[in-house]
């Protein structure tokens, strides 16, 4: 269930996998840099953490973001996946590898 902590898929594991997938460091992924090539991987990892069952607060603390950013992130991920089906396929592939039901 969303919003409940899923100890099977820790946020750090999700971030490590997404950082590896996009050839970035974890520090780049959670940084406050707004470079275009950081945005999608960051949004994807935050969205996957939410889908894994972590609370908005826990995710925002990990990524050093304000709590309202989760609503924006989830909306943007849904919008981008609707516009680009390949992103949705990639998102689902990563989620399955991490054991997250999406």
N, C-alpha and C. Protein backbone atom coordinates (compact mmCIF):
# COMPACT_ATOMS: atom_id res chain seq x y z
N UNK A 1 0.84 -1.18 0.00
CA UNK A 1 0.00 0.00 0.00
C UNK A 1 0.88 1.24 0.00
N UNK A 2 0.54 2.21 -0.80
CA UNK A 2 1.32 3.43 -0.89
C UNK A 2 1.29 4.18 0.44
N UNK A 3 2.41 4.83 0.74
CA UNK A 3 2.49 5.61 1.96
C UNK A 3 2.96 4.82 3.16
N UNK A 4 3.06 3.51 3.02
CA UNK A 4 3.55 2.66 4.10
C UNK A 4 5.00 2.33 3.78
N UNK A 5 5.84 2.20 4.80
CA UNK A 5 7.25 1.90 4.56
C UNK A 5 7.39 0.45 4.13
N UNK A 6 8.05 0.25 2.98
CA UNK A 6 8.31 -1.07 2.45
C UNK A 6 9.78 -1.38 2.71
N UNK A 7 10.06 -2.18 3.71
CA UNK A 7 11.44 -2.46 4.08
C UNK A 7 12.15 -3.35 3.07
N UNK A 8 11.39 -3.97 2.15
CA UNK A 8 12.00 -4.84 1.15
C UNK A 8 12.75 -4.03 0.08
N UNK A 9 12.35 -2.80 -0.16
CA UNK A 9 12.99 -1.97 -1.18
C UNK A 9 13.34 -0.61 -0.58
N UNK A 10 14.50 -0.51 0.07
CA UNK A 10 14.89 0.76 0.67
C UNK A 10 15.13 1.85 -0.38
N UNK A 11 14.93 3.08 0.01
CA UNK A 11 15.12 4.21 -0.89
C UNK A 11 16.55 4.21 -1.45
N UNK A 12 17.53 3.92 -0.62
CA UNK A 12 18.92 3.92 -1.08
C UNK A 12 19.14 2.91 -2.20
N UNK A 13 18.47 1.77 -2.13
CA UNK A 13 18.60 0.76 -3.18
C UNK A 13 18.00 1.27 -4.50
N UNK A 14 16.87 1.94 -4.40
CA UNK A 14 16.21 2.50 -5.58
C UNK A 14 17.11 3.56 -6.21
N UNK A 15 17.65 4.44 -5.39
CA UNK A 15 18.51 5.51 -5.88
C UNK A 15 19.78 4.93 -6.52
N UNK A 16 20.38 3.93 -5.88
CA UNK A 16 21.57 3.30 -6.46
C UNK A 16 21.29 2.71 -7.83
N UNK A 17 20.15 2.04 -7.96
CA UNK A 17 19.80 1.39 -9.23
C UNK A 17 19.53 2.43 -10.32
N UNK A 18 18.80 3.48 -9.99
CA UNK A 18 18.51 4.52 -10.98
C UNK A 18 19.79 5.26 -11.36
N UNK A 19 20.64 5.56 -10.40
CA UNK A 19 21.91 6.23 -10.69
C UNK A 19 22.76 5.37 -11.62
N UNK A 20 22.82 4.08 -11.36
CA UNK A 20 23.58 3.17 -12.21
C UNK A 20 22.99 3.15 -13.63
N UNK A 21 21.67 3.07 -13.72
CA UNK A 21 20.98 3.01 -15.01
C UNK A 21 21.27 4.23 -15.87
N UNK A 22 21.39 5.39 -15.25
CA UNK A 22 21.62 6.64 -15.98
C UNK A 22 23.07 7.13 -15.91
N UNK A 23 23.98 6.26 -15.45
CA UNK A 23 25.42 6.57 -15.39
C UNK A 23 25.70 7.87 -14.64
N UNK A 24 25.11 7.97 -13.44
CA UNK A 24 25.32 9.14 -12.59
C UNK A 24 25.76 8.65 -11.21
N UNK A 25 26.23 9.57 -10.42
CA UNK A 25 26.52 9.22 -9.04
C UNK A 25 25.27 9.49 -8.20
N UNK A 26 25.21 8.86 -7.05
CA UNK A 26 24.08 9.08 -6.13
C UNK A 26 24.05 10.54 -5.70
N UNK A 27 25.23 11.13 -5.50
CA UNK A 27 25.29 12.53 -5.10
C UNK A 27 24.67 13.45 -6.15
N UNK A 28 24.92 13.16 -7.43
CA UNK A 28 24.31 13.96 -8.50
C UNK A 28 22.80 13.80 -8.50
N UNK A 29 22.36 12.58 -8.25
CA UNK A 29 20.93 12.29 -8.30
C UNK A 29 20.15 13.02 -7.20
N UNK A 30 20.73 13.13 -6.02
CA UNK A 30 20.01 13.77 -4.92
C UNK A 30 20.41 15.23 -4.72
N UNK A 31 21.29 15.74 -5.59
CA UNK A 31 21.74 17.13 -5.44
C UNK A 31 20.62 18.09 -5.84
N UNK A 32 20.87 19.36 -5.60
CA UNK A 32 19.91 20.40 -5.95
C UNK A 32 20.17 20.99 -7.34
N UNK A 33 21.10 20.38 -8.07
CA UNK A 33 21.38 20.85 -9.43
C UNK A 33 20.15 20.65 -10.29
N UNK A 34 19.90 21.60 -11.17
CA UNK A 34 18.72 21.55 -12.02
C UNK A 34 19.06 21.29 -13.48
N UNK A 35 20.21 20.69 -13.71
CA UNK A 35 20.58 20.35 -15.08
C UNK A 35 19.55 19.39 -15.66
N UNK A 36 19.26 19.56 -16.93
CA UNK A 36 18.21 18.78 -17.58
C UNK A 36 18.43 17.28 -17.47
N UNK A 37 19.69 16.84 -17.55
CA UNK A 37 19.94 15.41 -17.52
C UNK A 37 19.83 14.81 -16.11
N UNK A 38 19.64 15.62 -15.08
CA UNK A 38 19.41 15.11 -13.73
C UNK A 38 17.92 14.98 -13.40
N UNK A 39 17.09 15.73 -14.09
CA UNK A 39 15.68 15.85 -13.68
C UNK A 39 14.91 14.54 -13.81
N UNK A 40 14.92 13.91 -14.99
CA UNK A 40 14.14 12.67 -15.15
C UNK A 40 14.63 11.57 -14.21
N UNK A 41 15.92 11.28 -14.10
CA UNK A 41 16.34 10.23 -13.17
C UNK A 41 15.94 10.53 -11.71
N UNK A 42 16.05 11.79 -11.32
CA UNK A 42 15.66 12.17 -9.96
C UNK A 42 14.17 11.97 -9.75
N UNK A 43 13.36 12.44 -10.69
CA UNK A 43 11.92 12.27 -10.59
C UNK A 43 11.55 10.79 -10.59
N UNK A 44 12.21 10.03 -11.44
CA UNK A 44 11.93 8.60 -11.52
C UNK A 44 12.24 7.90 -10.20
N UNK A 45 13.38 8.21 -9.60
CA UNK A 45 13.74 7.55 -8.34
C UNK A 45 12.80 7.97 -7.21
N UNK A 46 12.39 9.23 -7.18
CA UNK A 46 11.44 9.67 -6.16
C UNK A 46 10.09 8.99 -6.35
N UNK A 47 9.65 8.88 -7.61
CA UNK A 47 8.37 8.23 -7.90
C UNK A 47 8.42 6.75 -7.56
N UNK A 48 9.51 6.07 -7.89
CA UNK A 48 9.63 4.65 -7.56
C UNK A 48 9.65 4.43 -6.05
N UNK A 49 10.29 5.34 -5.33
CA UNK A 49 10.30 5.22 -3.86
C UNK A 49 8.88 5.36 -3.32
N UNK A 50 8.12 6.26 -3.90
CA UNK A 50 6.71 6.42 -3.49
C UNK A 50 5.91 5.17 -3.84
N UNK A 51 6.11 4.65 -5.03
CA UNK A 51 5.40 3.45 -5.45
C UNK A 51 5.79 2.24 -4.59
N UNK A 52 7.01 2.26 -4.05
CA UNK A 52 7.46 1.18 -3.18
C UNK A 52 6.78 1.24 -1.82
N UNK A 53 6.16 2.37 -1.51
CA UNK A 53 5.43 2.48 -0.26
C UNK A 53 6.01 3.44 0.75
N UNK A 54 7.06 4.14 0.39
CA UNK A 54 7.65 5.10 1.33
C UNK A 54 6.78 6.37 1.39
N UNK A 55 6.77 6.99 2.53
CA UNK A 55 5.95 8.19 2.72
C UNK A 55 6.58 9.40 2.02
N UNK A 56 5.76 10.39 1.74
CA UNK A 56 6.25 11.64 1.14
C UNK A 56 7.36 12.23 2.01
N UNK A 57 7.12 12.26 3.29
CA UNK A 57 8.09 12.86 4.21
C UNK A 57 9.44 12.14 4.16
N UNK A 58 9.42 10.82 4.20
CA UNK A 58 10.66 10.04 4.18
C UNK A 58 11.44 10.27 2.88
N UNK A 59 10.72 10.30 1.77
CA UNK A 59 11.37 10.51 0.47
C UNK A 59 11.97 11.92 0.40
N UNK A 60 11.21 12.90 0.83
CA UNK A 60 11.69 14.29 0.78
C UNK A 60 12.88 14.52 1.70
N UNK A 61 12.91 13.86 2.83
CA UNK A 61 14.07 13.97 3.72
C UNK A 61 15.30 13.37 3.03
N UNK A 62 15.12 12.21 2.42
CA UNK A 62 16.23 11.55 1.73
C UNK A 62 16.78 12.43 0.61
N UNK A 63 15.90 13.03 -0.19
CA UNK A 63 16.30 13.84 -1.33
C UNK A 63 16.51 15.31 -0.98
N UNK A 64 16.31 15.66 0.28
CA UNK A 64 16.48 17.04 0.75
C UNK A 64 15.59 18.01 -0.03
N UNK A 65 14.32 17.64 -0.14
CA UNK A 65 13.33 18.45 -0.84
C UNK A 65 12.21 18.81 0.12
N UNK A 66 11.38 19.79 -0.24
CA UNK A 66 10.23 20.11 0.59
C UNK A 66 9.11 19.14 0.28
N UNK A 67 8.22 18.93 1.22
CA UNK A 67 7.18 17.91 1.14
C UNK A 67 6.26 18.09 -0.07
N UNK A 68 6.01 19.32 -0.48
CA UNK A 68 5.12 19.57 -1.61
C UNK A 68 5.69 19.12 -2.94
N UNK A 69 6.99 18.88 -2.99
CA UNK A 69 7.60 18.49 -4.27
C UNK A 69 7.16 17.11 -4.72
N UNK A 70 6.72 16.25 -3.82
CA UNK A 70 6.30 14.90 -4.20
C UNK A 70 5.07 14.94 -5.09
N UNK A 71 4.13 15.82 -4.81
CA UNK A 71 2.94 15.94 -5.64
C UNK A 71 3.35 16.34 -7.06
N UNK A 72 4.25 17.30 -7.14
CA UNK A 72 4.74 17.76 -8.45
C UNK A 72 5.46 16.63 -9.18
N UNK A 73 6.34 15.93 -8.48
CA UNK A 73 7.12 14.84 -9.09
C UNK A 73 6.19 13.76 -9.64
N UNK A 74 5.24 13.31 -8.84
CA UNK A 74 4.34 12.25 -9.29
C UNK A 74 3.51 12.70 -10.50
N UNK A 75 3.09 13.96 -10.50
CA UNK A 75 2.32 14.49 -11.62
C UNK A 75 3.19 14.55 -12.88
N UNK A 76 4.43 15.01 -12.73
CA UNK A 76 5.34 15.12 -13.87
C UNK A 76 5.70 13.75 -14.44
N UNK A 77 5.92 12.76 -13.58
CA UNK A 77 6.23 11.41 -14.05
C UNK A 77 5.05 10.85 -14.83
N UNK A 78 3.86 11.01 -14.31
CA UNK A 78 2.67 10.52 -15.01
C UNK A 78 2.52 11.21 -16.37
N UNK A 79 2.76 12.52 -16.39
CA UNK A 79 2.63 13.29 -17.63
C UNK A 79 3.67 12.85 -18.65
N UNK A 80 4.92 12.72 -18.23
CA UNK A 80 5.98 12.33 -19.15
C UNK A 80 5.79 10.90 -19.66
N UNK A 81 5.34 10.00 -18.79
CA UNK A 81 5.10 8.62 -19.21
C UNK A 81 3.93 8.53 -20.19
N UNK A 82 2.93 9.39 -20.02
CA UNK A 82 1.80 9.41 -20.95
C UNK A 82 2.23 9.93 -22.32
N UNK A 83 3.13 10.90 -22.31
CA UNK A 83 3.60 11.49 -23.57
C UNK A 83 4.63 10.62 -24.28
N UNK A 84 5.41 9.88 -23.50
CA UNK A 84 6.49 9.06 -24.08
C UNK A 84 6.39 7.63 -23.55
N UNK A 85 5.72 6.75 -24.29
CA UNK A 85 5.52 5.38 -23.82
C UNK A 85 6.81 4.62 -23.50
N UNK A 86 7.91 4.97 -24.16
CA UNK A 86 9.18 4.30 -23.86
C UNK A 86 9.64 4.58 -22.43
N UNK A 87 9.37 5.78 -21.94
CA UNK A 87 9.72 6.10 -20.55
C UNK A 87 8.90 5.24 -19.59
N UNK A 88 7.63 5.05 -19.90
CA UNK A 88 6.77 4.22 -19.06
C UNK A 88 7.27 2.78 -19.06
N UNK A 89 7.66 2.26 -20.21
CA UNK A 89 8.19 0.89 -20.29
C UNK A 89 9.46 0.76 -19.45
N UNK A 90 10.32 1.76 -19.56
CA UNK A 90 11.57 1.74 -18.79
C UNK A 90 11.29 1.84 -17.29
N UNK A 91 10.34 2.67 -16.93
CA UNK A 91 9.95 2.82 -15.51
C UNK A 91 9.43 1.50 -14.96
N UNK A 92 8.59 0.82 -15.73
CA UNK A 92 8.04 -0.46 -15.29
C UNK A 92 9.14 -1.51 -15.19
N UNK A 93 10.07 -1.51 -16.15
CA UNK A 93 11.18 -2.47 -16.12
C UNK A 93 12.02 -2.28 -14.85
N UNK A 94 12.36 -1.04 -14.55
CA UNK A 94 13.14 -0.77 -13.32
C UNK A 94 12.37 -1.16 -12.07
N UNK A 95 11.09 -0.85 -12.04
CA UNK A 95 10.27 -1.18 -10.88
C UNK A 95 10.24 -2.69 -10.67
N UNK A 96 10.08 -3.44 -11.72
CA UNK A 96 10.06 -4.92 -11.59
C UNK A 96 11.39 -5.45 -11.10
N UNK A 97 12.48 -4.90 -11.61
CA UNK A 97 13.82 -5.33 -11.17
C UNK A 97 14.00 -5.07 -9.68
N UNK A 98 13.39 -4.00 -9.20
CA UNK A 98 13.51 -3.64 -7.77
C UNK A 98 12.43 -4.30 -6.91
N UNK A 99 11.52 -5.02 -7.52
CA UNK A 99 10.46 -5.68 -6.77
C UNK A 99 9.34 -4.75 -6.33
N UNK A 100 9.11 -3.71 -7.12
CA UNK A 100 8.07 -2.72 -6.81
C UNK A 100 6.89 -2.96 -7.73
N UNK A 101 5.71 -3.06 -7.18
CA UNK A 101 4.50 -3.22 -7.98
C UNK A 101 3.99 -1.87 -8.44
N UNK A 102 3.99 -1.66 -9.75
CA UNK A 102 3.46 -0.40 -10.31
C UNK A 102 2.28 -0.70 -11.21
